[in-house]
Every structure is written in structure tokens, then in C-alpha cells.
Amino acid sequence: MGSKKWFTVLDKLIVYELFKTLTSVLLVLVVIIVSRSFIRILDQAIAGVVSNDSLLSILGFKTIVTTAELFPPALFMTVLMVFGRMYRDQEMSAISSAGGGVITLYKSVLIIVLPIIMMVAGLSFYLAPWAESQVDLIMKQSEESADIRGITAGKFSQYRHGNLVFYVEKISDEGILHNVFLQNKDKNSTGVITAQTATIEDLSDGRYIIFSKGEQVKGHPGALDYAIEKFDEYAVRVDSKTAALKFNRHALPVNTLVSSDAISNKTELLRRLSIPLGALLLCIIGVPLAQISPRGGVYGNMFMGFLIYFSYGNLLRVSYTWVENNVMPIWIGASMVNLILLVLGVVLLIRLTGWEWMILNLKSKVFK
């Protein structure tokens, strides 16, 4: 007799269905979530806070972060959809009649899930924080140059919360601004500059707008003590924000979190750990949960799955808050919710197989 194949035809079928469904589900979720984030980024670009040249870079980095966070629900939904369809189409009955049981199903699931979870761990601990740090870096660079961003011909552009108003009638292909208007407010006075042309130049000590052949009126609105100056060339320095770059904790590298004693950093480490761990536990739950509503169609078990994931996610956030506020020790916060999910998985598995099968299987493993 030939040796038993480790990777069977059934394994190939289930792995193919899981991979195909996971790709579709993850793509839909990422597009929905990233689109909402991109709308907010577009609002910032319109307001001149974010450079138009940085939009695609920010979108790419946000996609990486979102993909890491969405893998657990995507895997959970995938298992429910694939096995729910197999129950509906009586494929599970055929598998059972051929001698395949729960262990066979878990083996097929883990063949594809374990490599994915290792990839998710890399995303959660390393790639997603790097992407967050790149977004922080882009946003800081955008803030430093935001004073002159968004200049468009025929449109008034506001900067510095409305204290700097810029208008240009035409912009040539060489980047020369024609028929320029600038209003600059500060604590002491208000200045209005009009010029025939202007250029934006980066000099050794900063960035300047250099006006040519124009006039400046400076004074207080409503007062008569104002000054009028004509000039052939006049330069206005655009002050840049030089605040030090400070990464949010989602962008901190994992070695910084491990070596830090700050409770907030420890909580962030728990959050990253919960992403691959939650993906594994949700897949374990998904196999028996798919059998709860076999006559409800492919999506008959989705409502219960939604309730489980919604409760799991909210309990995780509550536990992180309690850990940060020293309400509970960090080891309890790291294990409590995941243990609840594991117990739920065992209960669902017993519901699927029955107590007798569990006891006989344990006896065969212990006393063989």
C-alpha cells in the first residue's frame, strides 16, 4: 500500500476556495476603509495642509496599515463564507461520509492560515509601523512647506489660518507668477503687496517669494497711518515650522516598545500582538461557527460572526484602556479577551462534534 498523502485533494479544494475568497473579501474591505481615509486626506490637500505630490504616497502607506488591521476580520469572514457554502451545498455531508471530520477541516484551514498569520505578524510588528512613520514624516514636511502650497491661477489661497491670502492671475510654464496679490496679517499690521510677476525660490536661509515691479501698502485696517512703497524687487520669506518630528506610538519600532517602560508603549505592543493572535483564534472559531445555520445560505452565519467580532474588538479596546489606566495588570489585559475567545471556540467545537467525540478523542490521545 502506498503512503497516505499529506496534502490531499480535499486540502487543495479548501485551500483554493479560502485563498480566492480571502483575496476578494480583503480587497473589498481595504478599498472601503482606505477610500474613507483618502477622502479626509483630499480635504487636507484642498486646504493646503498636504502636498498634492504626497497624496499617492500617503495612500500607499495607509493601505499597508489598513491591510494589516483588516486581516483578522477578513480571515474570519472567509472561513464563515467558504464553510457556510459547503454546508449549504451538502459538501460537508460528503466529506463526513468519506471519513473526513473536524480534524481534516482544521488541517486544511491551517495549511493556508498559518503562513498568512506569519505574514500578518510581520505586517503588524514591522511593516505597518514603518508605514505609519513615513506618513508622519510626510505630514511634517507638508506642514513645513504649507505656507505656499496650493497656489492656483485665478483662485484665492489661504494659509496660516487665513492670515496669509495669495492670488495669482496666471502661472507660466516656467513657473513665473503673473499679476500677483498677497495679503499678510500679523499682530502689528497688515500688508498688501501687488506685483506684476513673482517667483518662489529656495535660498540658503529659507524659502522666499520674490516680487518684481510692484507696490506694498502697510498699516492698520481703518487707520490713516499707512505706508505705500513702490519697488522693483521685493522678497518675502516664508517662515517654515521647525517643530521636531514626533512619531505617534503606532509608528514606533518594535524594539523601542519592548525596551520602553511606558505603559502606553506596552499597550501598543499588546495591540500589535493581538492582530495575528486574533486572526488565528477567529479562524479556529469560524470552522464550528459555520455549521450553526446550515440552512441559512452562504451568509446565514454572518450575523453571529459579526456579533462575535464586534464584541471581541470592543473588549480588546476596553482592556487596553484599563491597562493604560492601571485598572488591571498588563498580563491580564494581554490574555483575558483572547482566553474568552478560545473558550468560545471550544464551546462551539463541542456543539459541532458532541461531548462523546471530544472525550473519546482525548482518551485516544492520552492513553494510546
Protein backbone atom coordinates (compact mmCIF):
# COMPACT_ATOMS: atom_id res chain seq x y z
CA MET A 1 0.00 0.00 0.00
CA GLY A 2 1.21 3.49 -0.76
CA SER A 3 1.83 6.03 1.95
CA LYS A 4 -1.00 8.38 2.84
CA LYS A 5 -0.75 11.74 1.13
CA TRP A 6 -0.20 14.65 3.49
CA PHE A 7 -1.69 17.22 1.07
CA THR A 8 -4.90 15.68 -0.25
CA VAL A 9 -7.34 16.66 -2.98
CA LEU A 10 -9.71 17.96 -0.29
CA ASP A 11 -6.93 20.13 1.11
CA LYS A 12 -6.30 21.60 -2.34
CA LEU A 13 -10.00 22.33 -2.79
CA ILE A 14 -10.42 24.05 0.58
CA VAL A 15 -7.15 25.98 0.31
CA TYR A 16 -8.10 27.22 -3.17
CA GLU A 17 -11.57 28.33 -2.02
CA LEU A 18 -10.19 30.03 1.09
CA PHE A 19 -7.48 31.87 -0.85
CA LYS A 20 -9.87 33.02 -3.57
CA THR A 21 -12.48 34.24 -1.07
CA LEU A 22 -9.90 35.87 1.21
CA THR A 23 -8.47 37.86 -1.71
CA SER A 24 -11.91 39.16 -2.63
CA VAL A 25 -13.02 39.94 0.94
CA LEU A 26 -9.75 41.66 1.87
CA LEU A 27 -9.76 43.72 -1.32
CA VAL A 28 -13.31 44.95 -0.69
CA LEU A 29 -12.62 45.82 2.96
CA VAL A 30 -9.36 47.61 2.18
CA VAL A 31 -10.92 49.63 -0.65
CA ILE A 32 -13.82 50.73 1.58
CA ILE A 33 -11.67 51.73 4.57
CA VAL A 34 -8.84 53.30 2.56
CA SER A 35 -11.34 55.26 0.45
CA ARG A 36 -12.75 56.85 3.59
CA SER A 37 -9.27 57.75 4.78
CA PHE A 38 -8.35 59.10 1.36
CA ILE A 39 -11.35 61.45 1.40
CA ARG A 40 -10.02 63.01 4.61
CA ILE A 41 -6.56 63.33 3.05
CA LEU A 42 -8.10 65.01 -0.01
CA ASP A 43 -9.79 67.53 2.30
CA GLN A 44 -6.38 68.32 3.80
CA ALA A 45 -4.87 68.67 0.32
CA ILE A 46 -7.63 71.09 -0.72
CA ALA A 47 -6.97 73.10 2.45
CA GLY A 48 -3.26 73.23 1.59
CA VAL A 49 -2.17 71.10 4.55
CA VAL A 50 -0.95 68.19 2.42
CA SER A 51 1.01 68.44 -0.81
CA ASN A 52 -0.69 67.11 -3.94
CA ASP A 53 2.54 65.30 -4.76
CA SER A 54 2.28 63.36 -1.48
CA LEU A 55 -1.26 62.04 -1.95
CA LEU A 56 -0.34 58.77 -3.66
CA SER A 57 2.48 58.10 -1.19
CA ILE A 58 0.17 58.60 1.79
CA LEU A 59 -2.47 56.42 0.12
CA GLY A 60 0.06 53.61 -0.35
CA PHE A 61 1.29 53.75 3.24
CA LYS A 62 -2.27 53.90 4.60
CA THR A 63 -3.13 50.84 2.51
CA ILE A 64 -0.33 48.88 4.20
CA VAL A 65 -1.53 49.87 7.68
CA THR A 66 -5.16 49.12 6.86
CA THR A 67 -4.35 45.74 5.32
CA ALA A 68 -2.59 44.60 8.50
CA GLU A 69 -5.53 45.63 10.68
CA LEU A 70 -8.17 44.06 8.41
CA PHE A 71 -6.64 40.60 8.10
CA PRO A 72 -8.36 39.15 11.23
CA PRO A 73 -11.94 40.06 10.18
CA ALA A 74 -11.18 39.15 6.56
CA LEU A 75 -9.94 35.68 7.54
CA PHE A 76 -12.94 35.21 9.86
CA MET A 77 -15.41 36.16 7.14
CA THR A 78 -13.61 33.96 4.64
CA VAL A 79 -13.86 30.83 6.80
CA LEU A 80 -17.54 31.51 7.51
CA MET A 81 -18.37 32.09 3.85
CA VAL A 82 -16.47 29.09 2.46
CA PHE A 83 -17.63 26.55 5.05
CA GLY A 84 -21.12 28.02 5.14
CA ARG A 85 -21.41 27.41 1.40
CA MET A 86 -20.07 23.87 1.82
CA TYR A 87 -22.72 23.12 4.44
CA ARG A 88 -25.43 24.57 2.22
CA ASP A 89 -24.34 22.52 -0.80
CA GLN A 90 -24.12 19.33 1.31
CA GLU A 91 -20.40 19.08 0.63
CA MET A 92 -19.76 18.61 4.34
CA SER A 93 -22.02 15.57 4.35
CA ALA A 94 -19.98 14.07 1.53
CA ILE A 95 -16.75 14.78 3.41
CA SER A 96 -18.13 13.15 6.57
CA SER A 97 -19.30 10.06 4.68
CA ALA A 98 -15.79 9.72 3.24
CA GLY A 99 -14.27 9.70 6.73
CA GLY A 100 -13.32 13.37 6.98
CA GLY A 101 -14.04 15.08 10.27
CA VAL A 102 -13.25 18.26 12.16
CA ILE A 103 -9.54 17.50 12.29
CA THR A 104 -9.49 17.17 8.49
CA LEU A 105 -11.14 20.59 8.15
CA TYR A 106 -8.78 22.24 10.62
CA LYS A 107 -5.79 20.72 8.82
CA SER A 108 -6.93 22.21 5.52
CA VAL A 109 -7.57 25.62 7.13
CA LEU A 110 -4.23 25.75 8.94
CA ILE A 111 -2.32 24.91 5.75
CA ILE A 112 -3.21 28.33 4.36
CA VAL A 113 -3.86 30.26 7.59
CA LEU A 114 -0.54 29.65 9.37
CA PRO A 115 1.65 31.17 6.58
CA ILE A 116 -0.78 34.08 6.32
CA ILE A 117 -0.64 34.68 10.08
CA MET A 118 3.17 34.74 9.95
CA MET A 119 2.91 37.37 7.21
CA VAL A 120 0.33 39.30 9.28
CA ALA A 121 2.72 39.27 12.26
CA GLY A 122 5.42 40.81 10.07
CA LEU A 123 2.95 43.44 8.87
CA SER A 124 1.76 44.22 12.40
CA PHE A 125 5.16 44.40 14.12
CA TYR A 126 7.37 45.85 11.40
CA LEU A 127 5.87 46.96 8.08
CA ALA A 128 2.77 48.80 9.37
CA PRO A 129 4.76 50.86 11.96
CA TRP A 130 7.26 51.77 9.24
CA ALA A 131 4.39 52.90 7.00
CA GLU A 132 2.96 54.97 9.88
CA SER A 133 6.34 56.62 10.41
CA GLN A 134 6.53 57.51 6.72
CA VAL A 135 3.09 59.14 6.90
CA ASP A 136 4.21 61.15 9.95
CA LEU A 137 7.34 62.23 8.08
CA ILE A 138 5.35 63.31 5.01
CA MET A 139 2.86 65.22 7.16
CA LYS A 140 5.69 67.06 8.95
CA GLN A 141 7.32 68.00 5.65
CA SER A 142 3.92 69.16 4.43
CA GLU A 143 3.44 71.38 7.48
CA GLU A 144 6.86 72.97 6.95
CA SER A 145 6.02 73.96 3.37
CA ALA A 146 2.30 74.56 3.78
CA ASP A 147 2.61 78.34 3.60
CA ILE A 148 2.91 78.38 -0.20
CA ARG A 149 1.12 75.18 -1.21
CA GLY A 150 -1.96 75.04 -3.36
CA ILE A 151 -1.29 78.21 -5.37
CA THR A 152 -3.58 78.00 -8.41
CA ALA A 153 -4.13 80.57 -11.13
CA GLY A 154 -7.39 82.50 -10.73
CA LYS A 155 -8.03 81.30 -7.19
CA PHE A 156 -7.53 82.85 -3.75
CA SER A 157 -5.47 80.57 -1.49
CA GLN A 158 -5.45 80.95 2.30
CA TYR A 159 -2.65 79.90 4.63
CA ARG A 160 -1.75 80.36 8.30
CA HIS A 161 -5.41 80.13 9.31
CA GLY A 162 -6.37 82.94 6.93
CA ASN A 163 -3.57 85.35 7.90
CA LEU A 164 -1.88 84.87 4.53
CA VAL A 165 -4.02 85.28 1.38
CA PHE A 166 -2.46 84.76 -2.03
CA TYR A 167 -3.85 85.32 -5.52
CA VAL A 168 -2.21 84.95 -8.92
CA GLU A 169 -3.88 85.60 -12.25
CA LYS A 170 -1.66 83.37 -14.38
CA ILE A 171 1.22 80.92 -13.97
CA SER A 172 3.57 80.45 -16.91
CA ASP A 173 5.16 77.16 -17.93
CA GLU A 174 8.43 78.39 -16.41
CA GLY A 175 6.73 78.78 -13.01
CA ILE A 176 6.57 82.59 -13.11
CA LEU A 177 3.51 84.06 -11.37
CA HIS A 178 1.82 86.99 -13.15
CA ASN A 179 -0.37 89.74 -11.61
CA VAL A 180 0.14 88.71 -8.02
CA PHE A 181 -1.74 89.80 -4.90
CA LEU A 182 -0.61 88.99 -1.35
CA GLN A 183 -2.20 89.99 1.96
CA ASN A 184 -0.14 89.22 5.04
CA LYS A 185 -1.50 89.81 8.57
CA ASP A 186 0.48 89.79 11.77
CA LYS A 187 0.00 91.15 15.29
CA ASN A 188 1.29 94.62 14.46
CA SER A 189 0.00 95.42 10.99
CA THR A 190 -1.48 94.22 7.72
CA GLY A 191 0.45 94.37 4.47
CA VAL A 192 -0.89 94.17 0.94
CA ILE A 193 1.52 93.53 -1.93
CA THR A 194 0.66 93.71 -5.62
CA ALA A 195 3.21 92.93 -8.28
CA GLN A 196 3.44 92.24 -11.99
CA THR A 197 5.37 88.99 -11.51
CA ALA A 198 6.74 86.80 -8.72
CA THR A 199 8.80 83.65 -8.33
CA ILE A 200 9.26 81.18 -5.50
CA GLU A 201 12.90 80.38 -4.70
CA ASP A 202 14.71 78.29 -2.10
CA LEU A 203 17.72 80.19 -0.82
CA SER A 204 20.35 79.19 1.72
CA ASP A 205 18.48 80.70 4.67
CA GLY A 206 14.94 79.77 3.68
CA ARG A 207 12.20 79.88 1.06
CA TYR A 208 11.23 83.25 -0.42
CA ILE A 209 8.55 84.72 -2.66
CA ILE A 210 10.35 87.33 -4.80
CA PHE A 211 8.05 90.01 -6.24
CA SER A 212 9.04 92.18 -9.22
CA LYS A 213 7.71 95.64 -10.19
CA GLY A 214 5.03 96.18 -7.63
CA GLU A 215 3.70 98.11 -4.67
CA GLN A 216 3.27 97.44 -0.95
CA VAL A 217 0.70 99.08 1.35
CA LYS A 218 1.27 98.50 5.05
CA GLY A 219 -0.70 99.67 8.06
CA HIS A 220 -3.73 99.01 10.29
CA PRO A 221 -7.16 98.49 8.67
CA GLY A 222 -9.34 101.56 9.28
CA ALA A 223 -6.43 103.76 10.35
CA LEU A 224 -4.89 106.57 8.32
CA ASP A 225 -1.26 105.91 9.29
CA TYR A 226 -0.22 103.58 6.49
CA ALA A 227 2.82 103.45 4.22
CA ILE A 228 2.95 102.97 0.45
CA GLU A 229 6.14 101.67 -1.12
CA LYS A 230 6.93 101.00 -4.76
CA PHE A 231 9.66 98.50 -5.59
CA ASP A 232 11.42 96.86 -8.49
CA GLU A 233 12.10 93.75 -6.47
CA TYR A 234 10.86 92.71 -3.04
CA ALA A 235 11.34 89.40 -1.22
CA VAL A 236 9.11 87.92 1.48
CA ARG A 237 10.44 84.99 3.46
CA VAL A 238 8.01 82.17 4.06
CA ASP A 239 8.59 81.05 7.63
CA SER A 240 8.77 77.27 7.97
CA LYS A 241 7.65 75.33 11.00
CA THR A 242 10.69 73.74 12.61
CA ALA A 243 8.97 71.61 15.24
CA ALA A 244 10.78 68.36 15.94
CA LEU A 245 9.32 65.27 14.36
CA LYS A 246 7.47 63.23 16.93
CA PHE A 247 6.15 59.86 15.87
CA ASN A 248 2.87 58.57 17.27
CA ARG A 249 3.15 55.29 19.13
CA HIS A 250 1.70 53.31 16.21
CA ALA A 251 4.83 54.33 14.27
CA LEU A 252 7.40 53.32 16.90
CA PRO A 253 9.65 50.35 16.03
CA VAL A 254 9.07 47.16 17.99
CA ASN A 255 12.47 47.27 19.75
CA THR A 256 11.58 50.71 21.15
CA LEU A 257 8.31 49.35 22.52
CA VAL A 258 10.00 46.30 24.08
CA SER A 259 12.70 48.37 25.82
CA SER A 260 10.29 51.09 26.99
CA ASP A 261 8.78 51.15 30.48
CA ALA A 262 5.89 53.43 29.45
CA ILE A 263 2.56 51.69 29.90
CA SER A 264 1.25 53.25 26.67
CA ASN A 265 4.05 51.61 24.71
CA LYS A 266 3.39 48.26 26.37
CA THR A 267 -0.26 48.59 25.40
CA GLU A 268 0.75 49.29 21.80
CA LEU A 269 2.85 46.11 21.86
CA LEU A 270 -0.22 44.18 23.02
CA ARG A 271 -2.28 45.70 20.21
CA ARG A 272 0.21 44.54 17.60
CA LEU A 273 0.34 41.06 19.14
CA SER A 274 -3.45 40.79 19.13
CA ILE A 275 -3.64 41.15 15.32
CA PRO A 276 -2.02 37.81 14.34
CA LEU A 277 -3.27 36.08 17.51
CA GLY A 278 -6.82 37.29 16.91
CA ALA A 279 -6.64 36.12 13.29
CA LEU A 280 -5.70 32.59 14.44
CA LEU A 281 -8.38 32.40 17.16
CA LEU A 282 -11.10 33.75 14.86
CA CYS A 283 -10.24 31.12 12.25
CA ILE A 284 -10.48 28.41 14.92
CA ILE A 285 -13.92 29.70 15.86
CA GLY A 286 -15.00 30.05 12.24
CA VAL A 287 -14.90 26.31 11.48
CA PRO A 288 -17.58 25.22 14.01
CA LEU A 289 -19.49 28.52 13.76
CA ALA A 290 -20.15 27.92 10.06
CA GLN A 291 -22.35 24.95 11.00
CA ILE A 292 -24.73 26.88 13.28
CA SER A 293 -27.07 27.93 10.46
CA PRO A 294 -26.61 25.35 7.68
CA ARG A 295 -29.95 26.25 6.06
CA GLY A 296 -29.43 29.98 6.18
CA GLY A 297 -27.46 30.13 2.94
CA VAL A 298 -23.90 31.27 2.44
CA TYR A 299 -24.40 34.27 4.73
CA GLY A 300 -26.64 32.54 7.30
CA ASN A 301 -23.92 32.63 9.97
CA MET A 302 -22.63 36.15 9.22
CA PHE A 303 -24.80 37.88 11.81
CA MET A 304 -23.47 35.71 14.63
CA GLY A 305 -19.95 36.15 13.31
CA PHE A 306 -20.42 39.93 13.24
CA LEU A 307 -21.59 39.93 16.87
CA ILE A 308 -18.60 37.84 17.93
CA TYR A 309 -16.06 40.03 16.13
CA PHE A 310 -17.75 43.27 17.25
CA SER A 311 -17.71 42.11 20.89
CA TYR A 312 -14.13 40.86 20.58
CA GLY A 313 -12.86 44.14 19.13
CA ASN A 314 -14.62 46.26 21.74
CA LEU A 315 -13.43 44.08 24.62
CA LEU A 316 -9.87 44.42 23.33
CA ARG A 317 -10.14 48.22 23.29
CA VAL A 318 -11.64 48.24 26.78
CA SER A 319 -8.85 46.01 28.10
CA TYR A 320 -6.19 48.30 26.57
CA THR A 321 -7.83 51.30 28.26
CA TRP A 322 -7.92 49.51 31.60
CA VAL A 323 -4.26 48.55 31.27
CA GLU A 324 -3.27 52.15 30.45
CA ASN A 325 -5.27 53.43 33.43
CA ASN A 326 -3.73 50.79 35.74
CA VAL A 327 -7.14 49.24 36.38
CA MET A 328 -5.80 45.76 35.58
CA PRO A 329 -2.31 44.24 35.32
CA ILE A 330 -0.83 44.05 31.86
CA TRP A 331 -0.69 40.23 31.85
CA ILE A 332 -4.44 40.05 32.41
CA GLY A 333 -5.09 42.57 29.67
CA ALA A 334 -2.90 40.52 27.32
CA SER A 335 -4.68 37.22 27.96
CA MET A 336 -8.23 37.82 29.22
CA VAL A 337 -10.04 38.60 25.93
CA ASN A 338 -8.10 36.01 23.94
CA LEU A 339 -8.89 33.35 26.56
CA ILE A 340 -12.58 34.25 26.30
CA LEU A 341 -12.35 33.82 22.52
CA LEU A 342 -10.57 30.48 22.93
CA VAL A 343 -13.21 29.20 25.39
CA LEU A 344 -15.92 30.25 22.95
CA GLY A 345 -14.16 28.28 20.22
CA VAL A 346 -14.07 25.17 22.43
CA VAL A 347 -17.79 25.54 23.23
CA LEU A 348 -18.65 25.85 19.53
CA LEU A 349 -16.44 22.85 18.71
CA ILE A 350 -18.24 20.74 21.35
CA ARG A 351 -21.54 21.90 19.92
CA LEU A 352 -20.42 20.70 16.49
CA THR A 353 -18.90 17.34 17.49
CA GLY A 354 -20.63 16.48 20.76
CA TRP A 355 -19.19 15.64 24.17
CA GLU A 356 -18.75 11.95 23.35
CA TRP A 357 -16.48 12.61 20.39
CA MET A 358 -14.35 15.05 22.42
CA ILE A 359 -13.96 12.60 25.32
CA LEU A 360 -13.14 9.63 23.07
CA ASN A 361 -10.67 11.68 21.07
CA LEU A 362 -8.91 12.91 24.21
CA LYS A 363 -8.74 9.36 25.63
CA SER A 364 -7.24 8.05 22.39
CA LYS A 365 -4.58 10.78 22.52
CA VAL A 366 -3.74 10.37 26.22
CA PHE A 367 -3.96 6.59 26.70
CA LYS A 368 -2.79 5.31 23.32
